[in-house]
Amino acid sequence: MRRLAGLLAAVLLVSCNSSTSPYGGGGGGGGGATPSVGIQNFAFHPTPDTVSVNTTVTWTNQDGTAHTATSDGGAGETWDTGQLGNGASGSHLFTMTGTFAYHCSNHPNMHGTIVVK
């Protein structure tokens, strides 16, 4: 049990310190970190973001206005974070491989892509 607790603590530490982008994006793909996409200046950062299958991606709004991360639909993964105010986050677990486009339903000019390998 202690070994499991130590392993979980190590994973959390890596996750909390894994950001490689000033926008909170981490690039994905396993390694224990939860990939994140920042929403700032009416844009998603990073995009595209590449993650491994069975990875949860979290979007965090760093703008002063509400945004969403909403899948474009089609075959495969679909999601909608709902309205995310400043500082709010929403997540989706990607369970299949593919390239998944998404947008902000409030601002049609905002687009992003998640590549799942």
Protein backbone atom coordinates (compact mmCIF):
# COMPACT_ATOMS: atom_id res chain seq x y z
CA MET A 1 0.00 0.00 0.00
CA ARG A 2 2.85 2.40 0.80
CA ARG A 3 4.42 1.64 -2.56
CA LEU A 4 1.17 2.52 -4.33
CA ALA A 5 0.85 5.76 -2.34
CA GLY A 6 4.42 6.69 -3.28
CA LEU A 7 3.77 5.97 -6.94
CA LEU A 8 0.61 8.09 -6.92
CA ALA A 9 2.46 10.97 -5.25
CA ALA A 10 5.18 10.79 -7.93
CA VAL A 11 2.60 10.84 -10.73
CA LEU A 12 0.86 13.86 -9.20
CA LEU A 13 4.17 15.68 -8.84
CA VAL A 14 5.07 15.06 -12.49
CA SER A 15 1.57 16.10 -13.57
CA CYS A 16 1.70 19.37 -11.64
CA ASN A 17 5.11 20.27 -13.06
CA SER A 18 4.73 19.15 -16.67
CA SER A 19 3.56 22.30 -18.42
CA THR A 20 5.81 23.24 -21.33
CA SER A 21 3.78 26.17 -22.60
CA PRO A 22 3.02 29.57 -21.13
CA TYR A 23 -0.62 28.78 -21.95
CA GLY A 24 -0.78 25.63 -19.83
CA GLY A 25 -0.40 23.24 -22.75
CA GLY A 26 1.69 20.22 -22.12
CA GLY A 27 1.74 18.21 -25.30
CA GLY A 28 0.39 14.86 -24.50
CA GLY A 29 0.96 11.27 -24.71
CA GLY A 30 1.19 9.33 -21.53
CA GLY A 31 4.15 9.76 -19.24
CA GLY A 32 1.73 10.24 -16.37
CA ALA A 33 0.98 13.88 -17.13
CA THR A 34 -2.49 15.15 -17.92
CA PRO A 35 -2.22 17.12 -21.16
CA SER A 36 -3.77 20.55 -21.01
CA VAL A 37 -4.83 23.08 -23.57
CA GLY A 38 -4.91 26.71 -22.54
CA ILE A 39 -7.51 29.10 -23.92
CA GLN A 40 -6.05 32.59 -24.15
CA ASN A 41 -6.38 35.56 -26.49
CA PHE A 42 -9.30 33.83 -28.26
CA ALA A 43 -7.13 30.85 -29.25
CA PHE A 44 -6.38 27.28 -28.13
CA HIS A 45 -2.74 26.59 -27.14
CA PRO A 46 -1.24 24.19 -28.18
CA THR A 47 -2.98 23.09 -31.33
CA PRO A 48 -2.58 20.57 -32.63
CA ASP A 49 -1.90 18.62 -29.45
CA THR A 50 -0.83 14.98 -29.71
CA VAL A 51 -1.76 12.48 -27.01
CA SER A 52 -1.91 8.72 -26.51
CA VAL A 53 -5.17 6.77 -26.60
CA ASN A 54 -6.93 6.64 -23.18
CA THR A 55 -5.61 10.08 -22.24
CA THR A 56 -7.71 12.81 -20.65
CA VAL A 57 -7.17 16.29 -22.09
CA THR A 58 -8.14 19.31 -20.00
CA TRP A 59 -8.97 22.74 -21.42
CA THR A 60 -8.54 25.74 -19.09
CA ASN A 61 -9.92 29.18 -19.92
CA GLN A 62 -7.48 32.01 -19.23
CA ASP A 63 -9.53 34.67 -21.02
CA GLY A 64 -11.92 37.16 -19.48
CA THR A 65 -14.82 35.83 -21.55
CA ALA A 66 -16.50 32.41 -21.63
CA HIS A 67 -15.37 29.77 -24.12
CA THR A 68 -16.12 26.11 -24.91
CA ALA A 69 -14.12 23.25 -26.37
CA THR A 70 -16.70 21.50 -28.52
CA SER A 71 -15.95 18.66 -30.94
CA ASP A 72 -16.78 19.24 -34.57
CA GLY A 73 -18.67 15.94 -34.53
CA GLY A 74 -18.53 13.23 -37.11
CA ALA A 75 -17.33 9.72 -36.44
CA GLY A 76 -15.48 8.97 -33.25
CA GLU A 77 -14.99 11.17 -30.24
CA THR A 78 -17.54 13.86 -29.39
CA TRP A 79 -17.44 16.22 -26.44
CA ASP A 80 -18.48 19.63 -25.19
CA THR A 81 -16.90 21.18 -22.11
CA GLY A 82 -19.85 23.52 -21.68
CA GLN A 83 -19.32 27.19 -20.90
CA LEU A 84 -15.95 27.77 -19.24
CA GLY A 85 -15.58 31.09 -17.46
CA ASN A 86 -12.21 32.59 -16.56
CA GLY A 87 -10.15 30.01 -14.68
CA ALA A 88 -12.62 27.17 -15.30
CA SER A 89 -11.62 23.83 -16.84
CA GLY A 90 -13.32 21.03 -18.73
CA SER A 91 -11.96 17.62 -19.77
CA HIS A 92 -12.51 14.73 -22.16
CA LEU A 93 -11.08 11.18 -22.16
CA PHE A 94 -9.94 10.17 -25.66
CA THR A 95 -10.56 6.44 -26.11
CA MET A 96 -9.77 5.96 -29.80
CA THR A 97 -7.07 6.97 -32.22
CA GLY A 98 -7.63 9.64 -34.82
CA THR A 99 -7.51 13.35 -35.49
CA PHE A 100 -10.29 15.28 -33.79
CA ALA A 101 -11.15 18.86 -34.67
CA TYR A 102 -12.92 21.13 -32.22
CA HIS A 103 -14.06 24.74 -31.87
CA CYS A 104 -15.47 27.28 -29.43
CA SER A 105 -19.23 27.40 -29.85
CA ASN A 106 -19.22 31.06 -28.72
CA HIS A 107 -16.50 32.14 -31.16
CA PRO A 108 -16.64 30.25 -34.48
CA ASN A 109 -13.20 31.51 -35.52
CA MET A 110 -11.54 29.54 -32.69
CA HIS A 111 -10.43 26.07 -33.81
CA GLY A 112 -8.17 23.35 -32.44
CA THR A 113 -7.11 19.80 -33.13
CA ILE A 114 -6.29 16.81 -30.92
CA VAL A 115 -4.30 13.97 -32.52
CA VAL A 116 -4.67 10.67 -30.67
CA LYS A 117 -2.10 7.95 -31.41
